[in-house]
């Protein structure tokens, strides 16, 4: 099993990820890996297109650090 994560803009994928087929997803994942170790690229190239899927991962916006204190009282 392998996974590749980055911002959607980096991949140039549409909002509707279900509309993207496995072959296109394979190409998108393999693109940034051209100068990586060949064994890693081989994982992607050998994957069955019918088994490759994409799904959105949501994250929060960064927040500023806050003043910390003890969790337990003394």
PDB file of N, CA and C in Angstrom:
ATOM      1  N   UNK A   1       0.845  -1.175   0.000  1.00  0.00           N
ATOM      2  CA  UNK A   1       0.000   0.000   0.000  1.00  0.00           C
ATOM      3  C   UNK A   1       0.887   1.232   0.000  1.00  0.00           C
ATOM      4  N   UNK A   2       0.517   2.221  -0.769  1.00  0.00           N
ATOM      5  CA  UNK A   2       1.247   3.483  -0.799  1.00  0.00           C
ATOM      6  C   UNK A   2       0.248   4.631  -0.822  1.00  0.00           C
ATOM      7  N   UNK A   3       0.726   5.781  -0.445  1.00  0.00           N
ATOM      8  CA  UNK A   3      -0.098   6.976  -0.456  1.00  0.00           C
ATOM      9  C   UNK A   3       0.759   8.175  -0.798  1.00  0.00           C
ATOM     10  N   UNK A   4       0.138   9.191  -1.353  1.00  0.00           N
ATOM     11  CA  UNK A   4       0.852  10.408  -1.709  1.00  0.00           C
ATOM     12  C   UNK A   4      -0.059  11.578  -1.380  1.00  0.00           C
ATOM     13  N   UNK A   5       0.424  12.490  -0.568  1.00  0.00           N
ATOM     14  CA  UNK A   5      -0.406  13.623  -0.121  1.00  0.00           C
ATOM     15  C   UNK A   5       0.240  14.950  -0.460  1.00  0.00           C
ATOM     16  N   UNK A   6      -0.581  15.870  -0.877  1.00  0.00           N
ATOM     17  CA  UNK A   6      -0.157  17.254  -1.108  1.00  0.00           C
ATOM     18  C   UNK A   6      -1.422  18.074  -1.321  1.00  0.00           C
ATOM     19  N   UNK A   7      -1.266  19.371  -1.376  1.00  0.00           N
ATOM     20  CA  UNK A   7      -2.410  20.241  -1.649  1.00  0.00           C
ATOM     21  C   UNK A   7      -2.965  19.949  -3.036  1.00  0.00           C
ATOM     22  N   UNK A   8      -4.261  20.031  -3.172  1.00  0.00           N
ATOM     23  CA  UNK A   8      -4.945  19.751  -4.438  1.00  0.00           C
ATOM     24  C   UNK A   8      -4.344  20.578  -5.576  1.00  0.00           C
ATOM     25  N   UNK A   9      -3.974  21.829  -5.296  1.00  0.00           N
ATOM     26  CA  UNK A   9      -3.414  22.694  -6.328  1.00  0.00           C
ATOM     27  C   UNK A   9      -2.144  22.099  -6.928  1.00  0.00           C
ATOM     28  N   UNK A  10      -1.367  21.404  -6.114  1.00  0.00           N
ATOM     29  CA  UNK A  10      -0.123  20.813  -6.595  1.00  0.00           C
ATOM     30  C   UNK A  10      -0.399  19.724  -7.623  1.00  0.00           C
ATOM     31  N   UNK A  11      -1.495  19.007  -7.448  1.00  0.00           N
ATOM     32  CA  UNK A  11      -1.835  17.927  -8.356  1.00  0.00           C
ATOM     33  C   UNK A  11      -2.629  18.393  -9.565  1.00  0.00           C
ATOM     34  N   UNK A  12      -3.291  19.543  -9.473  1.00  0.00           N
ATOM     35  CA  UNK A  12      -4.129  20.013 -10.567  1.00  0.00           C
ATOM     36  C   UNK A  12      -5.369  19.158 -10.766  1.00  0.00           C
ATOM     37  N   UNK A  13      -5.906  18.630  -9.683  1.00  0.00           N
ATOM     38  CA  UNK A  13      -7.085  17.774  -9.757  1.00  0.00           C
ATOM     39  C   UNK A  13      -8.363  18.576  -9.541  1.00  0.00           C
ATOM     40  N   UNK A  14      -9.468  18.093 -10.089  1.00  0.00           N
ATOM     41  CA  UNK A  14     -10.744  18.785  -9.885  1.00  0.00           C
ATOM     42  C   UNK A  14     -11.269  18.578  -8.471  1.00  0.00           C
ATOM     43  N   UNK A  15     -12.257  19.379  -8.090  1.00  0.00           N
ATOM     44  CA  UNK A  15     -12.884  19.237  -6.768  1.00  0.00           C
ATOM     45  C   UNK A  15     -13.481  17.846  -6.585  1.00  0.00           C
ATOM     46  N   UNK A  16     -14.096  17.319  -7.635  1.00  0.00           N
ATOM     47  CA  UNK A  16     -14.735  16.011  -7.576  1.00  0.00           C
ATOM     48  C   UNK A  16     -13.698  14.919  -7.857  1.00  0.00           C
ATOM     49  N   UNK A  17     -13.062  14.425  -6.816  1.00  0.00           N
ATOM     50  CA  UNK A  17     -12.010  13.426  -6.982  1.00  0.00           C
ATOM     51  C   UNK A  17     -12.536  12.097  -7.523  1.00  0.00           C
ATOM     52  N   UNK A  18     -13.819  11.826  -7.319  1.00  0.00           N
ATOM     53  CA  UNK A  18     -14.386  10.582  -7.819  1.00  0.00           C
ATOM     54  C   UNK A  18     -14.397  10.539  -9.350  1.00  0.00           C
ATOM     55  N   UNK A  19     -14.300  11.704  -9.990  1.00  0.00           N
ATOM     56  CA  UNK A  19     -14.321  11.777 -11.450  1.00  0.00           C
ATOM     57  C   UNK A  19     -12.958  11.464 -12.068  1.00  0.00           C
ATOM     58  N   UNK A  20     -11.936  11.311 -11.244  1.00  0.00           N
ATOM     59  CA  UNK A  20     -10.585  11.067 -11.743  1.00  0.00           C
ATOM     60  C   UNK A  20     -10.313   9.566 -11.721  1.00  0.00           C
ATOM     61  N   UNK A  21      -9.895   9.020 -12.855  1.00  0.00           N
ATOM     62  CA  UNK A  21      -9.660   7.573 -12.907  1.00  0.00           C
ATOM     63  C   UNK A  21      -8.269   7.209 -12.381  1.00  0.00           C
ATOM     64  N   UNK A  22      -8.077   5.918 -12.152  1.00  0.00           N
ATOM     65  CA  UNK A  22      -6.831   5.421 -11.575  1.00  0.00           C
ATOM     66  C   UNK A  22      -5.611   5.715 -12.411  1.00  0.00           C
ATOM     67  N   UNK A  23      -5.743   5.667 -13.725  1.00  0.00           N
ATOM     68  CA  UNK A  23      -4.602   5.946 -14.601  1.00  0.00           C
ATOM     69  C   UNK A  23      -4.123   7.385 -14.430  1.00  0.00           C
ATOM     70  N   UNK A  24      -5.066   8.320 -14.371  1.00  0.00           N
ATOM     71  CA  UNK A  24      -4.693   9.727 -14.177  1.00  0.00           C
ATOM     72  C   UNK A  24      -4.088   9.924 -12.791  1.00  0.00           C
ATOM     73  N   UNK A  25      -4.664   9.279 -11.783  1.00  0.00           N
ATOM     74  CA  UNK A  25      -4.118   9.400 -10.431  1.00  0.00           C
ATOM     75  C   UNK A  25      -2.697   8.845 -10.360  1.00  0.00           C
ATOM     76  N   UNK A  26      -2.453   7.763 -11.061  1.00  0.00           N
ATOM     77  CA  UNK A  26      -1.110   7.179 -11.096  1.00  0.00           C
ATOM     78  C   UNK A  26      -0.114   8.170 -11.697  1.00  0.00           C
ATOM     79  N   UNK A  27      -0.507   8.800 -12.813  1.00  0.00           N
ATOM     80  CA  UNK A  27       0.359   9.787 -13.457  1.00  0.00           C
ATOM     81  C   UNK A  27       0.639  10.975 -12.546  1.00  0.00           C
ATOM     82  N   UNK A  28      -0.401  11.431 -11.858  1.00  0.00           N
ATOM     83  CA  UNK A  28      -0.263  12.578 -10.956  1.00  0.00           C
ATOM     84  C   UNK A  28       0.682  12.241  -9.803  1.00  0.00           C
ATOM     85  N   UNK A  29       0.552  11.049  -9.244  1.00  0.00           N
ATOM     86  CA  UNK A  29       1.425  10.642  -8.130  1.00  0.00           C
ATOM     87  C   UNK A  29       2.851  10.409  -8.591  1.00  0.00           C
ATOM     88  N   UNK A  30       3.030   9.863  -9.776  1.00  0.00           N
ATOM     89  CA  UNK A  30       4.376   9.544 -10.270  1.00  0.00           C
ATOM     90  C   UNK A  30       5.162  10.791 -10.677  1.00  0.00           C
ATOM     91  N   UNK A  31       4.474  11.851 -11.086  1.00  0.00           N
ATOM     92  CA  UNK A  31       5.157  13.053 -11.563  1.00  0.00           C
ATOM     93  C   UNK A  31       6.213  13.607 -10.618  1.00  0.00           C
ATOM     94  N   UNK A  32       5.869  13.896  -9.359  1.00  0.00           N
ATOM     95  CA  UNK A  32       6.865  14.456  -8.436  1.00  0.00           C
ATOM     96  C   UNK A  32       7.943  13.459  -8.017  1.00  0.00           C
ATOM     97  N   UNK A  33       7.776  12.177  -8.373  1.00  0.00           N
ATOM     98  CA  UNK A  33       8.697  11.143  -7.915  1.00  0.00           C
ATOM     99  C   UNK A  33       9.821  10.861  -8.906  1.00  0.00           C
ATOM    100  N   UNK A  34       9.922  11.622  -9.980  1.00  0.00           N
ATOM    101  CA  UNK A  34      10.889  11.321 -11.032  1.00  0.00           C
ATOM    102  C   UNK A  34      12.328  11.248 -10.534  1.00  0.00           C
ATOM    103  N   UNK A  35      12.684  12.077  -9.567  1.00  0.00           N
ATOM    104  CA  UNK A  35      14.064  12.063  -9.075  1.00  0.00           C
ATOM    105  C   UNK A  35      14.193  11.340  -7.733  1.00  0.00           C
ATOM    106  N   UNK A  36      13.177  10.582  -7.346  1.00  0.00           N
ATOM    107  CA  UNK A  36      13.229   9.785  -6.122  1.00  0.00           C
ATOM    108  C   UNK A  36      13.883   8.444  -6.430  1.00  0.00           C
ATOM    109  N   UNK A  37      14.119   7.660  -5.405  1.00  0.00           N
ATOM    110  CA  UNK A  37      14.699   6.335  -5.602  1.00  0.00           C
ATOM    111  C   UNK A  37      13.783   5.518  -6.516  1.00  0.00           C
ATOM    112  N   UNK A  38      14.332   4.802  -7.485  1.00  0.00           N
ATOM    113  CA  UNK A  38      13.515   4.036  -8.429  1.00  0.00           C
ATOM    114  C   UNK A  38      12.566   3.024  -7.775  1.00  0.00           C
ATOM    115  N   UNK A  39      12.934   2.492  -6.629  1.00  0.00           N
ATOM    116  CA  UNK A  39      12.063   1.515  -5.957  1.00  0.00           C
ATOM    117  C   UNK A  39      10.740   2.148  -5.546  1.00  0.00           C
ATOM    118  N   UNK A  40      10.769   3.422  -5.144  1.00  0.00           N
ATOM    119  CA  UNK A  40       9.531   4.099  -4.763  1.00  0.00           C
ATOM    120  C   UNK A  40       8.645   4.332  -5.980  1.00  0.00           C
ATOM    121  N   UNK A  41       9.239   4.780  -7.061  1.00  0.00           N
ATOM    122  CA  UNK A  41       8.476   4.976  -8.280  1.00  0.00           C
ATOM    123  C   UNK A  41       7.908   3.667  -8.802  1.00  0.00           C
ATOM    124  N   UNK A  42       8.627   2.587  -8.594  1.00  0.00           N
ATOM    125  CA  UNK A  42       8.179   1.277  -9.035  1.00  0.00           C
ATOM    126  C   UNK A  42       6.887   0.866  -8.326  1.00  0.00           C
ATOM    127  N   UNK A  43       6.745   1.248  -7.052  1.00  0.00           N
ATOM    128  CA  UNK A  43       5.505   0.946  -6.329  1.00  0.00           C
ATOM    129  C   UNK A  43       4.297   1.553  -7.032  1.00  0.00           C
ATOM    130  N   UNK A  44       4.456   2.776  -7.470  1.00  0.00           N
ATOM    131  CA  UNK A  44       3.357   3.467  -8.150  1.00  0.00           C
ATOM    132  C   UNK A  44       3.124   2.855  -9.529  1.00  0.00           C
ATOM    133  N   UNK A  45       4.174   2.652 -10.289  1.00  0.00           N
ATOM    134  CA  UNK A  45       4.025   2.152 -11.656  1.00  0.00           C
ATOM    135  C   UNK A  45       3.439   0.740 -11.708  1.00  0.00           C
ATOM    136  N   UNK A  46       3.689  -0.059 -10.683  1.00  0.00           N
ATOM    137  CA  UNK A  46       3.185  -1.436 -10.674  1.00  0.00           C
ATOM    138  C   UNK A  46       1.764  -1.549 -10.120  1.00  0.00           C
ATOM    139  N   UNK A  47       1.245  -0.478  -9.567  1.00  0.00           N
ATOM    140  CA  UNK A  47      -0.099  -0.517  -8.977  1.00  0.00           C
ATOM    141  C   UNK A  47      -1.155  -0.703 -10.064  1.00  0.00           C
ATOM    142  N   UNK A  48      -2.195  -1.477  -9.744  1.00  0.00           N
ATOM    143  CA  UNK A  48      -3.318  -1.652 -10.658  1.00  0.00           C
ATOM    144  C   UNK A  48      -4.170  -0.385 -10.645  1.00  0.00           C
ATOM    145  N   UNK A  49      -4.403   0.165 -11.802  1.00  0.00           N
ATOM    146  CA  UNK A  49      -5.169   1.413 -11.908  1.00  0.00           C
ATOM    147  C   UNK A  49      -6.547   1.295 -11.281  1.00  0.00           C
ATOM    148  N   UNK A  50      -7.150   0.120 -11.371  1.00  0.00           N
ATOM    149  CA  UNK A  50      -8.499  -0.059 -10.816  1.00  0.00           C
ATOM    150  C   UNK A  50      -8.510  -0.003  -9.293  1.00  0.00           C
ATOM    151  N   UNK A  51      -7.338  -0.108  -8.672  1.00  0.00           N
ATOM    152  CA  UNK A  51      -7.245  -0.095  -7.214  1.00  0.00           C
ATOM    153  C   UNK A  51      -6.802   1.265  -6.664  1.00  0.00           C
ATOM    154  N   UNK A  52      -6.487   2.216  -7.534  1.00  0.00           N
ATOM    155  CA  UNK A  52      -6.004   3.525  -7.098  1.00  0.00           C
ATOM    156  C   UNK A  52      -7.195   4.458  -6.908  1.00  0.00           C
ATOM    157  N   UNK A  53      -7.274   5.075  -5.746  1.00  0.00           N
ATOM    158  CA  UNK A  53      -8.357   6.017  -5.442  1.00  0.00           C
ATOM    159  C   UNK A  53      -7.775   7.277  -4.822  1.00  0.00           C
ATOM    160  N   UNK A  54      -8.582   8.307  -4.811  1.00  0.00           N
ATOM    161  CA  UNK A  54      -8.202   9.566  -4.169  1.00  0.00           C
ATOM    162  C   UNK A  54      -9.323   9.987  -3.243  1.00  0.00           C
ATOM    163  N   UNK A  55      -8.963  10.637  -2.173  1.00  0.00           N
ATOM    164  CA  UNK A  55      -9.968  11.156  -1.246  1.00  0.00           C
ATOM    165  C   UNK A  55      -9.421  12.419  -0.604  1.00  0.00           C
ATOM    166  N   UNK A  56     -10.306  13.345  -0.262  1.00  0.00           N
ATOM    167  CA  UNK A  56      -9.855  14.598   0.352  1.00  0.00           C
ATOM    168  C   UNK A  56      -9.471  14.382   1.810  1.00  0.00           C
ATOM    169  N   UNK A  57      -8.424  15.053   2.221  1.00  0.00           N
ATOM    170  CA  UNK A  57      -8.010  15.083   3.620  1.00  0.00           C
ATOM    171  C   UNK A  57      -8.131  16.529   4.064  1.00  0.00           C
ATOM    172  N   UNK A  58      -8.891  16.747   5.084  1.00  0.00           N
ATOM    173  CA  UNK A  58      -9.115  18.116   5.545  1.00  0.00           C
ATOM    174  C   UNK A  58      -8.218  18.419   6.729  1.00  0.00           C
ATOM    175  N   UNK A  59      -7.722  19.641   6.752  1.00  0.00           N
ATOM    176  CA  UNK A  59      -6.879  20.100   7.851  1.00  0.00           C
ATOM    177  C   UNK A  59      -7.400  21.451   8.325  1.00  0.00           C
ATOM    178  N   UNK A  60      -6.979  21.827   9.499  1.00  0.00           N
ATOM    179  CA  UNK A  60      -7.389  23.133  10.009  1.00  0.00           C
ATOM    180  C   UNK A  60      -6.366  24.182   9.607  1.00  0.00           C
ATOM    181  N   UNK A  61      -6.741  25.421   9.761  1.00  0.00           N
ATOM    182  CA  UNK A  61      -5.799  26.502   9.507  1.00  0.00           C
ATOM    183  C   UNK A  61      -4.854  26.594  10.703  1.00  0.00           C
ATOM    184  N   UNK A  62      -3.609  26.976  10.487  1.00  0.00           N
ATOM    185  CA  UNK A  62      -2.673  27.111  11.612  1.00  0.00           C
ATOM    186  C   UNK A  62      -3.158  28.160  12.614  1.00  0.00           C
ATOM    187  N   UNK A  63      -2.883  27.922  13.879  1.00  0.00           N
ATOM    188  CA  UNK A  63      -3.224  28.890  14.920  1.00  0.00           C
ATOM    189  C   UNK A  63      -1.951  29.295  15.646  1.00  0.00           C
ATOM    190  N   UNK A  64      -2.011  30.453  16.290  1.00  0.00           N
ATOM    191  CA  UNK A  64      -0.858  30.932  17.032  1.00  0.00           C
ATOM    192  C   UNK A  64      -0.704  30.136  18.326  1.00  0.00           C
ATOM    193  N   UNK A  65       0.534  29.955  18.790  1.00  0.00           N
ATOM    194  CA  UNK A  65       0.735  29.259  20.070  1.00  0.00           C
ATOM    195  C   UNK A  65       0.074  30.042  21.212  1.00  0.00           C
ATOM    196  N   UNK A  66      -0.375  29.347  22.219  1.00  0.00           N
ATOM    197  CA  UNK A  66      -0.979  29.984  23.368  1.00  0.00           C
ATOM    198  C   UNK A  66      -0.130  29.700  24.596  1.00  0.00           C
ATOM    199  N   UNK A  67      -0.334  30.488  25.627  1.00  0.00           N
ATOM    200  CA  UNK A  67       0.428  30.325  26.847  1.00  0.00           C
ATOM    201  C   UNK A  67      -0.002  28.995  27.516  1.00  0.00           C
ATOM    202  N   UNK A  68       0.983  28.195  27.832  1.00  0.00           N
ATOM    203  CA  UNK A  68       0.679  26.907  28.454  1.00  0.00           C
ATOM    204  C   UNK A  68       0.766  27.010  29.966  1.00  0.00           C
ATOM    205  N   UNK A  69       0.175  26.022  30.629  1.00  0.00           N
ATOM    206  CA  UNK A  69       0.242  25.932  32.089  1.00  0.00           C
ATOM    207  C   UNK A  69       0.151  24.460  32.451  1.00  0.00           C
ATOM    208  N   UNK A  70       0.319  24.178  33.724  1.00  0.00           N
ATOM    209  CA  UNK A  70       0.270  22.795  34.178  1.00  0.00           C
ATOM    210  C   UNK A  70      -1.102  22.195  33.960  1.00  0.00           C
ATOM    211  N   UNK A  71      -1.123  20.915  33.635  1.00  0.00           N
ATOM    212  CA  UNK A  71      -2.390  20.232  33.445  1.00  0.00           C
ATOM    213  C   UNK A  71      -2.969  19.828  34.801  1.00  0.00           C
ATOM    214  N   UNK A  72      -2.105  19.456  35.713  1.00  0.00           N
ATOM    215  CA  UNK A  72      -2.567  19.088  37.069  1.00  0.00           C
ATOM    216  C   UNK A  72      -2.134  20.150  38.046  1.00  0.00           C
ATOM    217  N   UNK A  73      -2.880  20.289  39.127  1.00  0.00           N
ATOM    218  CA  UNK A  73      -2.511  21.287  40.149  1.00  0.00           C
ATOM    219  C   UNK A  73      -1.611  20.619  41.175  1.00  0.00           C
ATOM    220  N   UNK A  74      -0.833  21.434  41.873  1.00  0.00           N
ATOM    221  CA  UNK A  74       0.079  20.902  42.892  1.00  0.00           C
ATOM    222  C   UNK A  74      -0.498  21.094  44.253  1.00  0.00           C
TER     223      UNK A  74
END
